[in-house]
Amino acid sequence: MADKGTANCIDILLAIILPPLGVFLKFGCEMEFWICLLLTLFGYIPGIIYAVYAITK
């Protein structure tokens, strides 16, 4: 089985490629996902920054 560090790296990689997907896989359809989706629609970079922050917090 993959350890927690590997799963975290995969989550961060997904957050960089497609920010809402990474947040959705971590939190589901909660408020973090909707914030990330909105930020990604306004600009790709803010979506990435928030997604990485939400996954690593």
PDB file of N, CA and C in Angstrom:
ATOM      1  N   MET A   1       0.836  -1.189   0.000  1.00  0.00           N
ATOM      2  CA  MET A   1       0.000   0.000   0.000  1.00  0.00           C
ATOM      3  C   MET A   1       0.875   1.244   0.000  1.00  0.00           C
ATOM      4  N   ALA A   2       0.350   2.297  -0.561  1.00  0.00           N
ATOM      5  CA  ALA A   2       1.086   3.559  -0.607  1.00  0.00           C
ATOM      6  C   ALA A   2       1.012   4.242   0.758  1.00  0.00           C
ATOM      7  N   ASP A   3       2.130   4.819   1.140  1.00  0.00           N
ATOM      8  CA  ASP A   3       2.120   5.537   2.405  1.00  0.00           C
ATOM      9  C   ASP A   3       1.490   6.909   2.215  1.00  0.00           C
ATOM     10  N   LYS A   4       1.285   7.606   3.331  1.00  0.00           N
ATOM     11  CA  LYS A   4       0.593   8.883   3.289  1.00  0.00           C
ATOM     12  C   LYS A   4       1.373   9.933   2.499  1.00  0.00           C
ATOM     13  N   GLY A   5       2.692   9.909   2.523  1.00  0.00           N
ATOM     14  CA  GLY A   5       3.495  10.868   1.779  1.00  0.00           C
ATOM     15  C   GLY A   5       3.299  10.752   0.280  1.00  0.00           C
ATOM     16  N   THR A   6       3.169   9.524  -0.217  1.00  0.00           N
ATOM     17  CA  THR A   6       2.961   9.316  -1.646  1.00  0.00           C
ATOM     18  C   THR A   6       1.582   9.815  -2.064  1.00  0.00           C
ATOM     19  N   ALA A   7       0.577   9.522  -1.274  1.00  0.00           N
ATOM     20  CA  ALA A   7      -0.767   9.990  -1.597  1.00  0.00           C
ATOM     21  C   ALA A   7      -0.809  11.510  -1.580  1.00  0.00           C
ATOM     22  N   ASN A   8      -0.092  12.121  -0.671  1.00  0.00           N
ATOM     23  CA  ASN A   8      -0.066  13.567  -0.595  1.00  0.00           C
ATOM     24  C   ASN A   8       0.603  14.159  -1.832  1.00  0.00           C
ATOM     25  N   CYS A   9       1.664  13.542  -2.317  1.00  0.00           N
ATOM     26  CA  CYS A   9       2.335  14.017  -3.533  1.00  0.00           C
ATOM     27  C   CYS A   9       1.419  13.893  -4.742  1.00  0.00           C
ATOM     28  N   ILE A  10       0.674  12.820  -4.839  1.00  0.00           N
ATOM     29  CA  ILE A  10      -0.264  12.643  -5.938  1.00  0.00           C
ATOM     30  C   ILE A  10      -1.373  13.681  -5.855  1.00  0.00           C
ATOM     31  N   ASP A  11      -1.863  13.948  -4.652  1.00  0.00           N
ATOM     32  CA  ASP A  11      -2.883  14.977  -4.478  1.00  0.00           C
ATOM     33  C   ASP A  11      -2.367  16.347  -4.900  1.00  0.00           C
ATOM     34  N   ILE A  12      -1.148  16.669  -4.550  1.00  0.00           N
ATOM     35  CA  ILE A  12      -0.568  17.959  -4.922  1.00  0.00           C
ATOM     36  C   ILE A  12      -0.364  18.039  -6.429  1.00  0.00           C
ATOM     37  N   LEU A  13       0.071  16.956  -7.038  1.00  0.00           N
ATOM     38  CA  LEU A  13       0.239  16.936  -8.491  1.00  0.00           C
ATOM     39  C   LEU A  13      -1.099  17.161  -9.198  1.00  0.00           C
ATOM     40  N   LEU A  14      -2.154  16.509  -8.725  1.00  0.00           N
ATOM     41  CA  LEU A  14      -3.486  16.726  -9.291  1.00  0.00           C
ATOM     42  C   LEU A  14      -3.950  18.161  -9.077  1.00  0.00           C
ATOM     43  N   ALA A  15      -3.602  18.736  -7.921  1.00  0.00           N
ATOM     44  CA  ALA A  15      -3.985  20.113  -7.637  1.00  0.00           C
ATOM     45  C   ALA A  15      -3.293  21.083  -8.583  1.00  0.00           C
ATOM     46  N   ILE A  16      -2.108  20.758  -9.042  1.00  0.00           N
ATOM     47  CA  ILE A  16      -1.408  21.629  -9.979  1.00  0.00           C
ATOM     48  C   ILE A  16      -1.972  21.469 -11.391  1.00  0.00           C
ATOM     49  N   ILE A  17      -2.282  20.257 -11.781  1.00  0.00           N
ATOM     50  CA  ILE A  17      -2.800  20.011 -13.130  1.00  0.00           C
ATOM     51  C   ILE A  17      -4.241  20.501 -13.258  1.00  0.00           C
ATOM     52  N   LEU A  18      -5.102  20.101 -12.325  1.00  0.00           N
ATOM     53  CA  LEU A  18      -6.511  20.497 -12.342  1.00  0.00           C
ATOM     54  C   LEU A  18      -6.954  20.731 -10.896  1.00  0.00           C
ATOM     55  N   PRO A  19      -6.846  21.965 -10.424  1.00  0.00           N
ATOM     56  CA  PRO A  19      -7.060  22.258  -9.001  1.00  0.00           C
ATOM     57  C   PRO A  19      -8.381  21.753  -8.409  1.00  0.00           C
ATOM     58  N   PRO A  20      -9.533  21.948  -9.046  1.00  0.00           N
ATOM     59  CA  PRO A  20     -10.766  21.460  -8.413  1.00  0.00           C
ATOM     60  C   PRO A  20     -10.804  19.937  -8.253  1.00  0.00           C
ATOM     61  N   LEU A  21     -10.175  19.203  -9.161  1.00  0.00           N
ATOM     62  CA  LEU A  21     -10.163  17.748  -9.056  1.00  0.00           C
ATOM     63  C   LEU A  21      -9.378  17.293  -7.833  1.00  0.00           C
ATOM     64  N   GLY A  22      -8.220  17.897  -7.609  1.00  0.00           N
ATOM     65  CA  GLY A  22      -7.433  17.537  -6.435  1.00  0.00           C
ATOM     66  C   GLY A  22      -8.165  17.811  -5.131  1.00  0.00           C
ATOM     67  N   VAL A  23      -8.840  18.947  -5.066  1.00  0.00           N
ATOM     68  CA  VAL A  23      -9.593  19.293  -3.857  1.00  0.00           C
ATOM     69  C   VAL A  23     -10.812  18.388  -3.715  1.00  0.00           C
ATOM     70  N   PHE A  24     -11.467  18.077  -4.820  1.00  0.00           N
ATOM     71  CA  PHE A  24     -12.639  17.198  -4.762  1.00  0.00           C
ATOM     72  C   PHE A  24     -12.275  15.810  -4.258  1.00  0.00           C
ATOM     73  N   LEU A  25     -11.155  15.283  -4.713  1.00  0.00           N
ATOM     74  CA  LEU A  25     -10.747  13.946  -4.270  1.00  0.00           C
ATOM     75  C   LEU A  25     -10.369  13.937  -2.788  1.00  0.00           C
ATOM     76  N   LYS A  26      -9.915  15.060  -2.275  1.00  0.00           N
ATOM     77  CA  LYS A  26      -9.523  15.142  -0.864  1.00  0.00           C
ATOM     78  C   LYS A  26     -10.724  15.403   0.051  1.00  0.00           C
ATOM     79  N   PHE A  27     -11.623  16.329  -0.347  1.00  0.00           N
ATOM     80  CA  PHE A  27     -12.695  16.775   0.543  1.00  0.00           C
ATOM     81  C   PHE A  27     -14.089  16.394   0.076  1.00  0.00           C
ATOM     82  N   GLY A  28     -14.253  15.995  -1.150  1.00  0.00           N
ATOM     83  CA  GLY A  28     -15.590  15.750  -1.669  1.00  0.00           C
ATOM     84  C   GLY A  28     -16.222  17.060  -2.110  1.00  0.00           C
ATOM     85  N   CYS A  29     -17.530  17.127  -2.041  1.00  0.00           N
ATOM     86  CA  CYS A  29     -18.246  18.300  -2.546  1.00  0.00           C
ATOM     87  C   CYS A  29     -18.531  19.293  -1.413  1.00  0.00           C
ATOM     88  N   GLU A  30     -17.529  19.576  -0.604  1.00  0.00           N
ATOM     89  CA  GLU A  30     -17.684  20.509   0.507  1.00  0.00           C
ATOM     90  C   GLU A  30     -17.310  21.919   0.056  1.00  0.00           C
ATOM     91  N   MET A  31     -17.287  22.840   0.992  1.00  0.00           N
ATOM     92  CA  MET A  31     -17.037  24.249   0.690  1.00  0.00           C
ATOM     93  C   MET A  31     -15.665  24.468   0.049  1.00  0.00           C
ATOM     94  N   GLU A  32     -14.654  23.684   0.414  1.00  0.00           N
ATOM     95  CA  GLU A  32     -13.319  23.844  -0.162  1.00  0.00           C
ATOM     96  C   GLU A  32     -13.342  23.644  -1.674  1.00  0.00           C
ATOM     97  N   PHE A  33     -14.119  22.670  -2.128  1.00  0.00           N
ATOM     98  CA  PHE A  33     -14.219  22.409  -3.562  1.00  0.00           C
ATOM     99  C   PHE A  33     -14.820  23.596  -4.299  1.00  0.00           C
ATOM    100  N   TRP A  34     -15.896  24.154  -3.771  1.00  0.00           N
ATOM    101  CA  TRP A  34     -16.570  25.268  -4.443  1.00  0.00           C
ATOM    102  C   TRP A  34     -15.700  26.522  -4.465  1.00  0.00           C
ATOM    103  N   ILE A  35     -14.965  26.766  -3.386  1.00  0.00           N
ATOM    104  CA  ILE A  35     -14.034  27.902  -3.363  1.00  0.00           C
ATOM    105  C   ILE A  35     -12.955  27.705  -4.421  1.00  0.00           C
ATOM    106  N   CYS A  36     -12.413  26.509  -4.494  1.00  0.00           N
ATOM    107  CA  CYS A  36     -11.362  26.219  -5.471  1.00  0.00           C
ATOM    108  C   CYS A  36     -11.895  26.332  -6.895  1.00  0.00           C
ATOM    109  N   LEU A  37     -13.091  25.850  -7.137  1.00  0.00           N
ATOM    110  CA  LEU A  37     -13.684  25.950  -8.462  1.00  0.00           C
ATOM    111  C   LEU A  37     -13.881  27.408  -8.861  1.00  0.00           C
ATOM    112  N   LEU A  38     -14.374  28.218  -7.949  1.00  0.00           N
ATOM    113  CA  LEU A  38     -14.578  29.636  -8.230  1.00  0.00           C
ATOM    114  C   LEU A  38     -13.260  30.349  -8.500  1.00  0.00           C
ATOM    115  N   LEU A  39     -12.249  30.073  -7.680  1.00  0.00           N
ATOM    116  CA  LEU A  39     -10.939  30.691  -7.892  1.00  0.00           C
ATOM    117  C   LEU A  39     -10.316  30.239  -9.205  1.00  0.00           C
ATOM    118  N   THR A  40     -10.513  28.989  -9.569  1.00  0.00           N
ATOM    119  CA  THR A  40      -9.964  28.490 -10.832  1.00  0.00           C
ATOM    120  C   THR A  40     -10.668  29.129 -12.024  1.00  0.00           C
ATOM    121  N   LEU A  41     -11.961  29.385 -11.897  1.00  0.00           N
ATOM    122  CA  LEU A  41     -12.674  30.047 -12.979  1.00  0.00           C
ATOM    123  C   LEU A  41     -12.210  31.492 -13.154  1.00  0.00           C
ATOM    124  N   PHE A  42     -11.874  32.155 -12.046  1.00  0.00           N
ATOM    125  CA  PHE A  42     -11.383  33.528 -12.118  1.00  0.00           C
ATOM    126  C   PHE A  42      -9.937  33.607 -12.581  1.00  0.00           C
ATOM    127  N   GLY A  43      -9.171  32.579 -12.298  1.00  0.00           N
ATOM    128  CA  GLY A  43      -7.773  32.551 -12.715  1.00  0.00           C
ATOM    129  C   GLY A  43      -7.145  31.238 -12.302  1.00  0.00           C
ATOM    130  N   TYR A  44      -6.382  30.679 -13.189  1.00  0.00           N
ATOM    131  CA  TYR A  44      -5.807  29.356 -12.955  1.00  0.00           C
ATOM    132  C   TYR A  44      -4.828  29.356 -11.783  1.00  0.00           C
ATOM    133  N   ILE A  45      -3.993  30.381 -11.685  1.00  0.00           N
ATOM    134  CA  ILE A  45      -2.979  30.451 -10.626  1.00  0.00           C
ATOM    135  C   ILE A  45      -3.609  30.553  -9.228  1.00  0.00           C
ATOM    136  N   PRO A  46      -4.615  31.424  -9.003  1.00  0.00           N
ATOM    137  CA  PRO A  46      -5.244  31.424  -7.677  1.00  0.00           C
ATOM    138  C   PRO A  46      -5.870  30.078  -7.308  1.00  0.00           C
ATOM    139  N   GLY A  47      -6.408  29.382  -8.304  1.00  0.00           N
ATOM    140  CA  GLY A  47      -6.968  28.051  -8.047  1.00  0.00           C
ATOM    141  C   GLY A  47      -5.908  27.061  -7.604  1.00  0.00           C
ATOM    142  N   ILE A  48      -4.734  27.122  -8.237  1.00  0.00           N
ATOM    143  CA  ILE A  48      -3.631  26.232  -7.868  1.00  0.00           C
ATOM    144  C   ILE A  48      -3.152  26.549  -6.452  1.00  0.00           C
ATOM    145  N   ILE A  49      -2.978  27.830  -6.170  1.00  0.00           N
ATOM    146  CA  ILE A  49      -2.487  28.229  -4.844  1.00  0.00           C
ATOM    147  C   ILE A  49      -3.452  27.762  -3.762  1.00  0.00           C
ATOM    148  N   TYR A  50      -4.741  27.984  -3.956  1.00  0.00           N
ATOM    149  CA  TYR A  50      -5.711  27.561  -2.948  1.00  0.00           C
ATOM    150  C   TYR A  50      -5.778  26.047  -2.830  1.00  0.00           C
ATOM    151  N   ALA A  51      -5.718  25.336  -3.953  1.00  0.00           N
ATOM    152  CA  ALA A  51      -5.801  23.882  -3.920  1.00  0.00           C
ATOM    153  C   ALA A  51      -4.625  23.280  -3.143  1.00  0.00           C
ATOM    154  N   VAL A  52      -3.425  23.772  -3.407  1.00  0.00           N
ATOM    155  CA  VAL A  52      -2.251  23.266  -2.689  1.00  0.00           C
ATOM    156  C   VAL A  52      -2.360  23.603  -1.201  1.00  0.00           C
ATOM    157  N   TYR A  53      -2.816  24.809  -0.901  1.00  0.00           N
ATOM    158  CA  TYR A  53      -3.006  25.205   0.501  1.00  0.00           C
ATOM    159  C   TYR A  53      -4.035  24.309   1.193  1.00  0.00           C
ATOM    160  N   ALA A  54      -5.179  24.077   0.538  1.00  0.00           N
ATOM    161  CA  ALA A  54      -6.251  23.269   1.143  1.00  0.00           C
ATOM    162  C   ALA A  54      -5.808  21.829   1.358  1.00  0.00           C
ATOM    163  N   ILE A  55      -5.034  21.280   0.431  1.00  0.00           N
ATOM    164  CA  ILE A  55      -4.603  19.885   0.556  1.00  0.00           C
ATOM    165  C   ILE A  55      -3.541  19.730   1.623  1.00  0.00           C
ATOM    166  N   THR A  56      -2.662  20.706   1.754  1.00  0.00           N
ATOM    167  CA  THR A  56      -1.562  20.563   2.720  1.00  0.00           C
ATOM    168  C   THR A  56      -1.882  21.059   4.119  1.00  0.00           C
ATOM    169  N   LYS A  57      -3.000  21.750   4.304  1.00  0.00           N
ATOM    170  CA  LYS A  57      -3.293  22.265   5.644  1.00  0.00           C
ATOM    171  C   LYS A  57      -3.683  21.200   6.610  1.00  0.00           C
TER     172      LYS A  57
END
